[in-house]
C-alpha atoms as a PDB file:
ATOM      1  CA  UNK A   1      22.110 -32.489  54.773  1.00  0.00           C
ATOM      2  CA  UNK A   2      25.575 -32.924  53.418  1.00  0.00           C
ATOM      3  CA  UNK A   3      27.165 -30.408  55.731  1.00  0.00           C
ATOM      4  CA  UNK A   4      30.402 -31.603  57.335  1.00  0.00           C
ATOM      5  CA  UNK A   5      32.916 -30.130  59.659  1.00  0.00           C
ATOM      6  CA  UNK A   6      35.046 -29.390  56.622  1.00  0.00           C
ATOM      7  CA  UNK A   7      32.527 -26.886  55.191  1.00  0.00           C
ATOM      8  CA  UNK A   8      33.951 -23.357  55.107  1.00  0.00           C
ATOM      9  CA  UNK A   9      32.425 -19.907  54.922  1.00  0.00           C
ATOM     10  CA  UNK A  10      33.037 -20.089  51.225  1.00  0.00           C
ATOM     11  CA  UNK A  11      30.954 -23.229  50.843  1.00  0.00           C
ATOM     12  CA  UNK A  12      28.113 -21.697  52.845  1.00  0.00           C
ATOM     13  CA  UNK A  13      28.311 -18.469  50.720  1.00  0.00           C
ATOM     14  CA  UNK A  14      28.073 -20.535  47.459  1.00  0.00           C
ATOM     15  CA  UNK A  15      25.103 -22.456  48.735  1.00  0.00           C
ATOM     16  CA  UNK A  16      23.237 -19.184  49.533  1.00  0.00           C
ATOM     17  CA  UNK A  17      24.077 -17.738  46.095  1.00  0.00           C
ATOM     18  CA  UNK A  18      22.935 -20.962  44.237  1.00  0.00           C
ATOM     19  CA  UNK A  19      19.748 -21.083  46.341  1.00  0.00           C
ATOM     20  CA  UNK A  20      18.968 -17.479  45.356  1.00  0.00           C
ATOM     21  CA  UNK A  21      19.403 -18.349  41.621  1.00  0.00           C
ATOM     22  CA  UNK A  22      17.216 -21.509  41.950  1.00  0.00           C
ATOM     23  CA  UNK A  23      14.475 -19.562  43.781  1.00  0.00           C
ATOM     24  CA  UNK A  24      14.528 -16.965  41.053  1.00  0.00           C
ATOM     25  CA  UNK A  25      14.248 -19.646  38.409  1.00  0.00           C
ATOM     26  CA  UNK A  26      11.154 -21.101  40.305  1.00  0.00           C
ATOM     27  CA  UNK A  27       9.449 -17.674  40.304  1.00  0.00           C
ATOM     28  CA  UNK A  28      10.190 -17.106  36.623  1.00  0.00           C
ATOM     29  CA  UNK A  29       8.924 -20.536  35.668  1.00  0.00           C
ATOM     30  CA  UNK A  30       5.688 -19.836  37.639  1.00  0.00           C
ATOM     31  CA  UNK A  31       5.319 -16.511  35.883  1.00  0.00           C
ATOM     32  CA  UNK A  32       5.899 -18.025  32.490  1.00  0.00           C
ATOM     33  CA  UNK A  33       3.343 -20.744  33.165  1.00  0.00           C
ATOM     34  CA  UNK A  34       0.665 -18.351  34.457  1.00  0.00           C
ATOM     35  CA  UNK A  35       1.139 -15.726  31.716  1.00  0.00           C
ATOM     36  CA  UNK A  36       1.987 -18.119  28.867  1.00  0.00           C
ATOM     37  CA  UNK A  37       4.690 -15.687  27.881  1.00  0.00           C
ATOM     38  CA  UNK A  38       8.258 -16.944  27.376  1.00  0.00           C
ATOM     39  CA  UNK A  39      11.008 -14.978  28.988  1.00  0.00           C
ATOM     40  CA  UNK A  40      13.940 -14.223  26.570  1.00  0.00           C
ATOM     41  CA  UNK A  41      16.018 -11.995  28.768  1.00  0.00           C
ATOM     42  CA  UNK A  42      16.252 -11.327  32.448  1.00  0.00           C
ATOM     43  CA  UNK A  43      17.008  -7.711  33.515  1.00  0.00           C
ATOM     44  CA  UNK A  44      18.537  -7.363  36.936  1.00  0.00           C
ATOM     45  CA  UNK A  45      18.958  -4.626  39.495  1.00  0.00           C
ATOM     46  CA  UNK A  46      19.992  -4.304  43.202  1.00  0.00           C
ATOM     47  CA  UNK A  47      23.102  -5.137  45.128  1.00  0.00           C
ATOM     48  CA  UNK A  48      23.347  -8.812  44.134  1.00  0.00           C
ATOM     49  CA  UNK A  49      24.048  -7.968  40.466  1.00  0.00           C
ATOM     50  CA  UNK A  50      27.576  -7.139  41.591  1.00  0.00           C
ATOM     51  CA  UNK A  51      28.221 -10.844  42.090  1.00  0.00           C
ATOM     52  CA  UNK A  52      29.601 -12.155  38.846  1.00  0.00           C
ATOM     53  CA  UNK A  53      29.185 -15.763  39.863  1.00  0.00           C
ATOM     54  CA  UNK A  54      25.533 -15.284  40.711  1.00  0.00           C
ATOM     55  CA  UNK A  55      24.802 -13.541  37.432  1.00  0.00           C
ATOM     56  CA  UNK A  56      26.554 -16.180  35.387  1.00  0.00           C
ATOM     57  CA  UNK A  57      25.030 -19.047  37.262  1.00  0.00           C
ATOM     58  CA  UNK A  58      21.529 -17.516  36.836  1.00  0.00           C
ATOM     59  CA  UNK A  59      22.050 -17.175  33.095  1.00  0.00           C
ATOM     60  CA  UNK A  60      23.269 -20.775  32.980  1.00  0.00           C
ATOM     61  CA  UNK A  61      20.348 -22.311  34.795  1.00  0.00           C
ATOM     62  CA  UNK A  62      17.840 -20.143  32.963  1.00  0.00           C
ATOM     63  CA  UNK A  63      19.549 -20.620  29.577  1.00  0.00           C
ATOM     64  CA  UNK A  64      18.769 -16.970  28.727  1.00  0.00           C
ATOM     65  CA  UNK A  65      20.966 -13.762  28.910  1.00  0.00           C
ATOM     66  CA  UNK A  66      21.032 -11.884  32.211  1.00  0.00           C
ATOM     67  CA  UNK A  67      21.390  -8.132  31.623  1.00  0.00           C
ATOM     68  CA  UNK A  68      22.779  -5.718  34.165  1.00  0.00           C
ATOM     69  CA  UNK A  69      21.955  -1.977  33.996  1.00  0.00           C
ATOM     70  CA  UNK A  70      24.738   0.483  33.040  1.00  0.00           C
ATOM     71  CA  UNK A  71      23.970   2.526  36.257  1.00  0.00           C
ATOM     72  CA  UNK A  72      23.854  -0.262  38.849  1.00  0.00           C
ATOM     73  CA  UNK A  73      22.016   1.516  41.608  1.00  0.00           C
ATOM     74  CA  UNK A  74      19.160   3.668  40.352  1.00  0.00           C
ATOM     75  CA  UNK A  75      17.545   4.278  43.716  1.00  0.00           C
ATOM     76  CA  UNK A  76      18.382   7.580  45.485  1.00  0.00           C
ATOM     77  CA  UNK A  77      20.690   7.290  48.488  1.00  0.00           C
ATOM     78  CA  UNK A  78      19.039   8.199  51.831  1.00  0.00           C
ATOM     79  CA  UNK A  79      20.641  11.219  53.422  1.00  0.00           C
ATOM     80  CA  UNK A  80      20.540  12.038  57.171  1.00  0.00           C
ATOM     81  CA  UNK A  81      19.298  15.435  58.187  1.00  0.00           C
ATOM     82  CA  UNK A  82      21.827  17.950  59.288  1.00  0.00           C
END
C-alpha cells in the first residue's frame, strides 16, 4: 500500500484530498462520455472549496478552470429553536 510508519497526518490528509479530486475527475469524465458534452469550466460549492490545494489540484488534473462562488456558502444556516 505504500504506507510506512513515517507517514504523518499531513500525508494522510493529502491522500484524501487527492483521492477526492481523482474521484471527481472520474465522475466528470463519465458525464462527458454519456452526454457527449465537453466541460470547459468546473463550478464549485460547499466546504471543500476553502481548500486552495484541492481546488488547484482539481484544475490541474482536469486541465480546466475551477471557479469558486463569490459567496462561498449559499445554503441557509440551521438555527435552533429558542
